[in-house]
N, C-alpha and C. Protein backbone atom coordinates (compact mmCIF):
# COMPACT_ATOMS: atom_id res chain seq x y z
N MET A 1 0.96 -0.92 -0.29
CA MET A 1 0.00 0.43 -0.16
C MET A 1 0.68 1.34 -0.05
N GLU A 2 2.20 1.44 0.61
CA GLU A 2 3.14 1.98 0.31
C GLU A 2 3.62 2.61 -0.57
N TYR A 3 3.11 1.28 -1.95
CA TYR A 3 4.29 2.65 -3.02
C TYR A 3 3.22 2.64 -3.75
N ILE A 4 2.02 2.42 -4.10
CA ILE A 4 0.46 2.55 -4.12
C ILE A 4 -0.07 4.34 -4.34
N MET A 5 0.06 4.46 -2.37
CA MET A 5 0.42 5.90 -1.65
C MET A 5 0.87 6.85 -2.23
N ASN A 6 2.53 6.83 -2.38
CA ASN A 6 3.45 7.23 -2.64
C ASN A 6 2.89 7.98 -4.28
N LEU A 7 2.82 6.85 -5.17
CA LEU A 7 1.99 6.74 -6.84
C LEU A 7 1.51 7.88 -6.80
N ARG A 8 0.23 8.05 -5.51
CA ARG A 8 -0.77 8.51 -5.84
C ARG A 8 -0.75 10.07 -4.95
N GLU A 9 0.42 10.52 -4.62
CA GLU A 9 0.44 11.84 -4.44
C GLU A 9 1.41 12.42 -5.45
N LYS A 10 1.70 11.26 -6.78
CA LYS A 10 2.26 12.27 -7.58
C LYS A 10 1.32 12.44 -9.06
N VAL A 11 0.61 11.23 -9.07
CA VAL A 11 0.11 10.88 -10.45
C VAL A 11 -1.87 11.67 -9.88
N GLY A 12 -2.08 11.33 -8.73
CA GLY A 12 -3.28 12.25 -8.76
C GLY A 12 -4.44 10.48 -8.84
N ARG A 13 -5.56 11.30 -9.09
CA ARG A 13 -6.52 10.16 -9.27
C ARG A 13 -6.85 9.43 -10.72
N ALA A 14 -4.92 9.81 -11.77
CA ALA A 14 -4.93 9.46 -12.50
C ALA A 14 -4.96 7.74 -12.62
N PRO A 15 -5.76 7.54 -13.53
CA PRO A 15 -5.53 4.96 -14.06
C PRO A 15 -3.76 5.22 -13.60
N ILE A 16 -3.89 4.08 -12.74
CA ILE A 16 -2.71 3.69 -12.59
C ILE A 16 -2.63 2.03 -13.32
N ILE A 17 -1.54 1.82 -13.06
CA ILE A 17 -1.29 0.28 -13.71
C ILE A 17 -0.78 -0.67 -12.45
N SER A 18 -1.16 -2.00 -12.05
CA SER A 18 -0.71 -2.32 -10.84
C SER A 18 -1.06 -3.72 -10.65
N GLY A 19 0.30 -4.61 -10.40
CA GLY A 19 0.05 -5.88 -9.65
C GLY A 19 -0.13 -6.53 -8.42
N ALA A 20 -1.02 -6.90 -8.58
CA ALA A 20 -1.75 -7.62 -7.61
C ALA A 20 -2.17 -9.50 -7.42
N ALA A 21 -2.03 -9.96 -6.31
CA ALA A 21 -2.57 -11.10 -6.13
C ALA A 21 -3.24 -11.57 -5.08
N GLY A 22 -4.12 -12.65 -5.64
CA GLY A 22 -5.67 -12.35 -4.65
C GLY A 22 -5.62 -14.34 -3.95
N ALA A 23 -6.50 -14.25 -3.19
CA ALA A 23 -6.87 -15.84 -3.11
C ALA A 23 -8.03 -16.21 -2.72
N ILE A 24 -7.96 -17.37 -3.51
CA ILE A 24 -9.37 -18.06 -3.01
C ILE A 24 -9.42 -19.03 -2.69
N ILE A 25 -9.45 -18.91 -1.08
CA ILE A 25 -9.55 -20.12 -0.21
C ILE A 25 -10.18 -21.34 -0.08
N ILE A 26 -10.01 -22.04 -0.35
CA ILE A 26 -11.16 -23.50 0.13
C ILE A 26 -10.72 -24.70 1.04
N ASN A 27 -11.59 -24.09 1.67
CA ASN A 27 -11.70 -25.04 2.94
C ASN A 27 -12.10 -26.91 2.69
N GLU A 28 -12.31 -27.75 3.85
CA GLU A 28 -12.03 -28.77 3.26
C GLU A 28 -13.69 -29.64 3.19
N ASN A 29 -14.26 -28.34 2.96
CA ASN A 29 -15.78 -28.77 2.71
C ASN A 29 -16.26 -28.03 1.46
N ASN A 30 -14.98 -27.35 0.66
CA ASN A 30 -15.47 -27.10 -0.92
C ASN A 30 -15.96 -26.25 -1.07
N GLU A 31 -16.08 -25.06 -0.28
CA GLU A 31 -16.43 -23.78 -0.07
C GLU A 31 -15.06 -22.69 -0.38
N ILE A 32 -15.53 -21.82 -1.08
CA ILE A 32 -14.62 -20.60 -0.46
C ILE A 32 -14.95 -19.21 0.52
N LEU A 33 -13.53 -18.91 0.52
CA LEU A 33 -13.65 -17.79 1.90
C LEU A 33 -14.05 -16.49 0.86
N LEU A 34 -14.83 -16.18 1.33
CA LEU A 34 -15.33 -14.40 0.24
C LEU A 34 -15.11 -13.43 1.59
N GLN A 35 -14.58 -11.76 1.13
CA GLN A 35 -14.62 -10.71 1.97
C GLN A 35 -15.27 -9.41 1.84
N GLN A 36 -15.95 -9.19 2.42
CA GLN A 36 -17.35 -8.30 2.28
C GLN A 36 -16.63 -6.88 2.21
N ARG A 37 -16.28 -6.26 1.41
CA ARG A 37 -14.96 -4.74 1.76
C ARG A 37 -15.82 -3.62 2.11
N SER A 38 -15.38 -2.81 3.20
CA SER A 38 -15.89 -1.99 3.14
C SER A 38 -15.81 -0.40 2.94
N ASP A 39 -15.46 -0.61 1.85
CA ASP A 39 -15.63 0.93 1.17
C ASP A 39 -16.34 0.84 0.08
N ASP A 40 -17.14 -0.32 -0.66
CA ASP A 40 -18.32 -0.09 -1.14
C ASP A 40 -19.38 -1.10 -1.33
N GLY A 41 -18.84 -1.98 -0.24
CA GLY A 41 -20.15 -3.69 0.50
C GLY A 41 -20.22 -4.39 -0.54
N THR A 42 -19.43 -4.42 -1.72
CA THR A 42 -19.18 -5.79 -2.63
C THR A 42 -18.24 -6.66 -1.99
N TRP A 43 -18.78 -8.10 -2.39
CA TRP A 43 -17.76 -9.66 -1.79
C TRP A 43 -17.17 -9.61 -2.77
N GLY A 44 -16.33 -10.35 -2.49
CA GLY A 44 -14.37 -10.89 -3.60
C GLY A 44 -13.99 -11.73 -3.21
N ASN A 45 -12.90 -11.81 -3.53
CA ASN A 45 -11.90 -13.05 -2.89
C ASN A 45 -10.24 -11.77 -2.08
N PRO A 46 -9.91 -12.25 -1.37
CA PRO A 46 -8.50 -11.36 -0.51
C PRO A 46 -7.98 -11.26 -1.21
N GLY A 47 -7.23 -10.43 -1.41
CA GLY A 47 -5.91 -9.91 -2.08
C GLY A 47 -5.93 -8.53 -2.57
N GLY A 48 -4.52 -8.32 -2.84
CA GLY A 48 -4.20 -6.39 -2.99
C GLY A 48 -2.82 -6.76 -3.70
N GLY A 49 -2.57 -5.13 -3.63
CA GLY A 49 -1.67 -4.56 -4.21
C GLY A 49 -0.42 -5.60 -3.38
N ILE A 50 0.70 -5.21 -4.88
CA ILE A 50 2.30 -5.73 -4.57
C ILE A 50 3.07 -4.43 -4.77
N GLU A 51 3.49 -4.76 -3.76
CA GLU A 51 4.92 -3.76 -3.18
C GLU A 51 6.02 -3.28 -3.79
N LEU A 52 6.61 -2.89 -4.11
CA LEU A 52 8.08 -2.48 -4.28
C LEU A 52 9.06 -3.67 -4.00
N GLY A 53 9.59 -4.59 -5.23
CA GLY A 53 10.62 -5.37 -4.23
C GLY A 53 9.96 -6.70 -3.83
N GLU A 54 8.47 -7.34 -4.37
CA GLU A 54 7.80 -8.45 -3.71
C GLU A 54 7.50 -9.33 -4.92
N SER A 55 7.66 -10.03 -4.84
CA SER A 55 6.94 -11.53 -5.37
C SER A 55 6.15 -11.50 -5.33
N LEU A 56 4.90 -11.92 -6.55
CA LEU A 56 3.21 -12.45 -6.97
C LEU A 56 3.42 -12.82 -5.33
N GLU A 57 3.97 -13.61 -5.41
CA GLU A 57 3.46 -15.17 -3.91
C GLU A 57 3.64 -14.62 -2.38
N GLU A 58 4.44 -13.87 -2.40
CA GLU A 58 4.79 -12.58 -1.18
C GLU A 58 3.63 -11.69 -0.93
N CYS A 59 3.34 -10.97 -2.05
CA CYS A 59 2.04 -10.35 -1.70
C CYS A 59 0.72 -11.30 -1.44
N LEU A 60 0.72 -12.66 -1.53
CA LEU A 60 -0.25 -13.29 -1.98
C LEU A 60 -0.47 -13.69 -0.77
N PHE A 61 0.80 -13.66 0.29
CA PHE A 61 1.12 -14.50 1.30
C PHE A 61 0.84 -13.04 1.85
N ARG A 62 1.35 -11.62 2.24
CA ARG A 62 0.75 -11.13 3.17
C ARG A 62 -0.60 -10.03 2.82
N GLU A 63 -0.83 -10.01 1.82
CA GLU A 63 -2.56 -9.96 1.69
C GLU A 63 -3.51 -10.76 3.08
N THR A 64 -2.68 -11.78 2.08
CA THR A 64 -4.03 -12.91 2.88
C THR A 64 -4.14 -12.99 4.54
N LYS A 65 -2.59 -12.61 4.71
CA LYS A 65 -2.74 -12.84 6.42
C LYS A 65 -3.39 -11.10 7.07
N GLU A 66 -2.68 -9.72 6.76
CA GLU A 66 -3.39 -8.76 6.29
C GLU A 66 -4.59 -8.87 6.73
N GLU A 67 -5.21 -9.32 5.34
CA GLU A 67 -6.77 -9.77 5.18
C GLU A 67 -7.55 -10.09 5.66
N THR A 68 -7.81 -11.60 6.38
CA THR A 68 -8.15 -12.34 6.72
C THR A 68 -7.58 -13.34 7.83
N GLY A 69 -6.17 -13.19 8.48
CA GLY A 69 -5.67 -13.53 9.44
C GLY A 69 -5.31 -14.83 9.50
N LEU A 70 -5.35 -15.70 8.21
CA LEU A 70 -4.93 -16.82 7.77
C LEU A 70 -3.58 -17.14 7.20
N ILE A 71 -2.76 -17.56 7.70
CA ILE A 71 -1.05 -18.10 6.86
C ILE A 71 -1.35 -18.92 5.61
N VAL A 72 -1.62 -18.38 4.74
CA VAL A 72 -1.10 -19.33 3.36
C VAL A 72 0.34 -20.27 3.60
N LYS A 73 -0.09 -21.78 3.77
CA LYS A 73 0.73 -22.51 3.34
C LYS A 73 1.13 -22.73 2.35
N ASN A 74 1.10 -22.79 1.52
CA ASN A 74 0.58 -23.19 -0.50
C ASN A 74 0.10 -22.70 -1.36
N ALA A 75 0.41 -22.63 -2.06
CA ALA A 75 -0.21 -22.12 -3.06
C ALA A 75 -0.70 -22.45 -4.29
N GLU A 76 -1.64 -22.39 -5.79
CA GLU A 76 -1.08 -23.52 -6.89
C GLU A 76 -1.55 -21.75 -7.49
N LEU A 77 -1.15 -21.59 -8.79
CA LEU A 77 -1.20 -20.01 -9.63
C LEU A 77 -2.88 -21.03 -10.31
N PHE A 78 -3.64 -20.41 -9.99
CA PHE A 78 -5.00 -20.53 -10.82
C PHE A 78 -4.76 -19.69 -12.41
N LYS A 79 -4.88 -18.52 -12.43
CA LYS A 79 -4.86 -17.83 -13.73
C LYS A 79 -4.24 -16.73 -13.29
N VAL A 80 -4.18 -15.67 -14.74
CA VAL A 80 -3.62 -14.35 -14.12
C VAL A 80 -4.64 -13.42 -14.94
N TYR A 81 -5.54 -13.12 -14.51
CA TYR A 81 -6.12 -11.49 -15.49
C TYR A 81 -5.80 -10.16 -15.80
N SER A 82 -6.56 -9.43 -16.29
CA SER A 82 -5.72 -8.18 -17.23
C SER A 82 -6.68 -7.97 -17.90
N GLY A 83 -6.38 -6.21 -18.27
CA GLY A 83 -7.67 -6.03 -19.47
C GLY A 83 -8.62 -5.29 -18.88
N GLU A 84 -9.64 -4.69 -19.37
CA GLU A 84 -10.65 -4.21 -18.58
C GLU A 84 -11.54 -4.78 -17.52
N CYS A 85 -11.02 -5.69 -17.61
CA CYS A 85 -12.24 -6.58 -16.27
C CYS A 85 -11.56 -6.07 -14.75
N MET A 86 -10.30 -6.24 -15.05
CA MET A 86 -9.71 -6.06 -13.90
C MET A 86 -9.26 -4.29 -13.34
N HIS A 87 -10.81 -3.46 -14.28
CA HIS A 87 -9.91 -2.17 -14.04
C HIS A 87 -11.39 -1.65 -13.30
N VAL A 88 -10.60 -0.56 -12.08
CA VAL A 88 -11.37 -0.22 -10.88
C VAL A 88 -11.65 1.40 -10.63
N VAL A 89 -12.50 1.31 -10.42
CA VAL A 89 -12.32 3.37 -9.67
C VAL A 89 -13.11 3.03 -8.41
N TYR A 90 -12.21 3.13 -7.03
CA TYR A 90 -12.86 3.27 -6.26
C TYR A 90 -13.83 3.93 -5.81
N PRO A 91 -14.43 4.26 -4.22
CA PRO A 91 -15.48 5.21 -3.58
C PRO A 91 -14.34 6.72 -3.80
N ASN A 92 -13.10 6.46 -4.05
CA ASN A 92 -12.66 7.53 -3.54
C ASN A 92 -11.94 8.53 -5.50
N CYS A 93 -12.31 7.54 -6.23
CA CYS A 93 -12.67 7.82 -7.62
C CYS A 93 -10.38 7.98 -8.01
N ASP A 94 -9.78 6.87 -6.93
CA ASP A 94 -8.61 6.04 -7.96
C ASP A 94 -9.24 5.51 -8.17
N GLU A 95 -8.57 5.34 -10.23
CA GLU A 95 -8.57 4.18 -11.10
C GLU A 95 -7.32 3.32 -11.17
N VAL A 96 -7.46 2.16 -11.19
CA VAL A 96 -6.55 1.08 -10.97
C VAL A 96 -6.82 0.29 -12.14
N TYR A 97 -5.77 -0.33 -13.21
CA TYR A 97 -5.72 -1.09 -13.89
C TYR A 97 -5.13 -2.28 -13.46
N TYR A 98 -5.75 -2.88 -13.17
CA TYR A 98 -4.99 -4.91 -12.15
C TYR A 98 -4.19 -6.13 -13.29
N ILE A 99 -3.31 -5.81 -13.19
CA ILE A 99 -2.71 -7.47 -13.75
C ILE A 99 -2.56 -8.28 -12.66
N ASN A 100 -3.80 -8.85 -12.20
CA ASN A 100 -4.11 -9.66 -10.56
C ASN A 100 -4.07 -11.57 -11.31
N ALA A 101 -2.73 -11.79 -9.87
CA ALA A 101 -2.68 -12.93 -10.56
C ALA A 101 -3.49 -13.81 -9.15
N ILE A 102 -4.06 -14.87 -9.36
CA ILE A 102 -5.04 -15.25 -8.62
C ILE A 102 -4.72 -16.86 -7.93
N TYR A 103 -4.94 -16.92 -7.15
CA TYR A 103 -4.37 -18.36 -6.49
C TYR A 103 -5.03 -19.33 -6.18
N ILE A 104 -5.42 -20.73 -5.88
CA ILE A 104 -6.26 -21.50 -5.47
C ILE A 104 -5.17 -22.11 -4.36
N VAL A 105 -5.59 -21.50 -2.76
CA VAL A 105 -4.91 -21.64 -1.81
C VAL A 105 -6.50 -23.15 -0.74
N ARG A 106 -5.30 -23.86 -0.45
CA ARG A 106 -6.18 -25.10 0.04
C ARG A 106 -5.17 -25.25 1.12
N ASP A 107 -4.09 -24.73 1.90
CA ASP A 107 -3.42 -25.05 2.87
C ASP A 107 -3.06 -24.07 3.10
N TYR A 108 -3.79 -23.91 4.33
CA TYR A 108 -3.54 -22.83 5.57
C TYR A 108 -4.07 -23.03 7.09
N GLU A 109 -3.67 -21.70 7.41
CA GLU A 109 -3.75 -22.05 8.80
C GLU A 109 -4.22 -21.07 9.48
N GLY A 110 -4.65 -20.63 10.78
CA GLY A 110 -4.97 -19.79 11.79
C GLY A 110 -6.87 -19.67 11.92
N GLU A 111 -7.05 -18.63 12.68
CA GLU A 111 -8.26 -18.22 12.86
C GLU A 111 -8.43 -16.79 12.27
N ILE A 112 -9.26 -17.05 11.29
CA ILE A 112 -10.10 -15.66 10.34
C ILE A 112 -10.44 -14.76 11.58
N SER A 113 -9.44 -13.46 10.86
CA SER A 113 -9.52 -12.30 11.65
C SER A 113 -9.90 -11.34 10.68
N ILE A 114 -10.73 -10.27 11.50
CA ILE A 114 -11.09 -8.73 10.32
C ILE A 114 -10.26 -7.75 11.48
N ASP A 115 -8.83 -7.25 10.94
CA ASP A 115 -8.29 -6.24 11.73
C ASP A 115 -7.19 -5.27 10.97
N ASP A 116 -8.48 -5.44 9.34
CA ASP A 116 -7.08 -4.36 8.58
C ASP A 116 -8.30 -2.76 8.42
N GLY A 117 -9.38 -2.80 8.72
CA GLY A 117 -10.53 -1.97 8.69
C GLY A 117 -10.51 -1.89 6.68
N GLU A 118 -10.36 -2.77 5.81
CA GLU A 118 -10.55 -3.13 4.49
C GLU A 118 -11.91 -3.76 4.52
N SER A 119 -12.32 -4.35 5.11
CA SER A 119 -13.55 -5.99 5.36
C SER A 119 -14.41 -5.25 6.79
N LEU A 120 -15.67 -5.70 5.46
CA LEU A 120 -16.45 -5.72 7.18
C LEU A 120 -17.33 -7.65 7.37
N GLN A 121 -17.07 -8.23 6.57
CA GLN A 121 -16.67 -9.90 6.93
C GLN A 121 -16.35 -10.91 5.68
N LEU A 122 -15.71 -11.84 6.85
CA LEU A 122 -15.22 -12.48 5.76
C LEU A 122 -15.92 -13.82 6.31
N LYS A 123 -16.12 -14.95 4.98
CA LYS A 123 -17.32 -15.52 5.81
C LYS A 123 -17.23 -16.59 3.91
N PHE A 124 -17.24 -18.06 4.69
CA PHE A 124 -17.23 -18.82 3.60
C PHE A 124 -18.74 -19.77 3.03
N PHE A 125 -18.32 -19.57 1.57
CA PHE A 125 -19.59 -19.85 0.83
C PHE A 125 -19.99 -21.38 -0.57
N SER A 126 -20.42 -21.92 -0.07
CA SER A 126 -20.73 -22.49 -1.20
C SER A 126 -20.57 -21.79 -2.46
N LEU A 127 -20.90 -22.47 -3.77
CA LEU A 127 -20.61 -21.96 -4.95
C LEU A 127 -22.24 -21.55 -5.30
N ASN A 128 -23.04 -22.45 -5.32
CA ASN A 128 -24.55 -21.77 -5.13
C ASN A 128 -24.76 -21.04 -3.98
N GLN A 129 -24.29 -20.39 -3.49
CA GLN A 129 -24.84 -19.47 -2.70
C GLN A 129 -24.33 -18.28 -2.14
N ILE A 130 -23.20 -18.10 -3.46
CA ILE A 130 -22.52 -17.08 -3.26
C ILE A 130 -23.26 -15.31 -3.17
N PRO A 131 -22.89 -14.83 -2.29
CA PRO A 131 -23.59 -13.15 -1.85
C PRO A 131 -23.46 -12.57 -2.81
N LYS A 132 -24.46 -11.58 -2.95
CA LYS A 132 -24.09 -10.12 -3.67
C LYS A 132 -23.99 -9.15 -3.09
N PRO A 133 -23.82 -7.84 -2.88
CA PRO A 133 -23.24 -8.08 -4.67
C PRO A 133 -21.76 -8.15 -4.76
N LEU A 134 -21.08 -8.64 -5.87
CA LEU A 134 -19.96 -9.32 -6.23
C LEU A 134 -19.09 -7.68 -6.97
N SER A 135 -18.14 -7.86 -6.61
CA SER A 135 -16.65 -7.41 -7.06
C SER A 135 -16.96 -7.81 -8.08
N LYS A 136 -16.91 -6.56 -9.59
CA LYS A 136 -16.83 -6.66 -10.95
C LYS A 136 -15.44 -6.89 -11.24
N CYS A 137 -14.51 -7.49 -10.58
CA CYS A 137 -13.43 -7.77 -10.15
C CYS A 137 -13.62 -9.45 -10.76
N PHE A 138 -13.97 -9.46 -9.35
CA PHE A 138 -14.62 -11.46 -8.70
C PHE A 138 -15.27 -12.42 -9.68
N SER A 139 -16.69 -11.52 -9.99
CA SER A 139 -17.62 -11.54 -10.93
C SER A 139 -16.71 -12.41 -11.90
N ILE A 140 -15.78 -12.29 -12.50
CA ILE A 140 -15.36 -13.07 -13.45
C ILE A 140 -14.11 -14.40 -13.18
N VAL A 141 -13.43 -13.84 -11.76
CA VAL A 141 -13.18 -14.95 -11.33
C VAL A 141 -13.52 -16.29 -11.07
N LEU A 142 -14.90 -15.87 -10.43
CA LEU A 142 -15.92 -16.45 -9.79
C LEU A 142 -16.30 -17.76 -11.45
N ASP A 143 -16.56 -16.96 -12.32
CA ASP A 143 -17.12 -17.51 -13.63
C ASP A 143 -15.89 -18.96 -13.86
N ASP A 144 -14.81 -18.27 -13.97
CA ASP A 144 -13.77 -19.67 -14.02
C ASP A 144 -13.62 -20.25 -12.70
N LEU A 145 -13.24 -20.13 -11.83
CA LEU A 145 -13.85 -20.91 -10.33
C LEU A 145 -14.65 -21.72 -10.87
N LYS A 146 -16.55 -21.52 -11.30
CA LYS A 146 -17.09 -23.02 -11.49
C LYS A 146 -16.38 -23.28 -12.22
N GLU A 147 -16.00 -23.16 -13.36
CA GLU A 147 -15.74 -24.23 -14.38
C GLU A 147 -14.50 -25.31 -13.78
N TYR A 148 -13.50 -24.25 -12.91
CA TYR A 148 -12.43 -25.26 -12.79
C TYR A 148 -12.93 -26.04 -11.78
N LEU A 149 -14.12 -26.13 -10.34
CA LEU A 149 -14.27 -27.06 -9.57
C LEU A 149 -15.66 -27.73 -9.94
N LYS A 150 -16.18 -28.15 -11.15
CA LYS A 150 -16.65 -28.46 -11.57
C LYS A 150 -16.27 -30.45 -11.01
């Protein structure tokens, strides 16, 4: 977040490109962990922007821990998303085009906790009971995930 905040000081609200990593955390019941964002109320997967010098995997581990309290032990790259489907305009009018690496996480430990200020709720859902509204970016991932988990 520090990198993006420094960049925003220079470019203001203009569109930027940012690398990101996100987790699809799947429990033993084949349910996925979703996060309800505090800024817009939408549901999606935990994840966030990469910091300078960080690998995508390091970003995944850090963001997952910050947003969920869970420690990722092992992750499998699922898919990389980019383009208009990863274009986000935040409520504060910051605009980002993400290059988003999404990982499947089945091997994790810890207890779910919310203490980052970015989340209203964290909860596991079955694929046939996904809450609304979904974030634009996650809705694209969800379509691919349903195919993958068939």
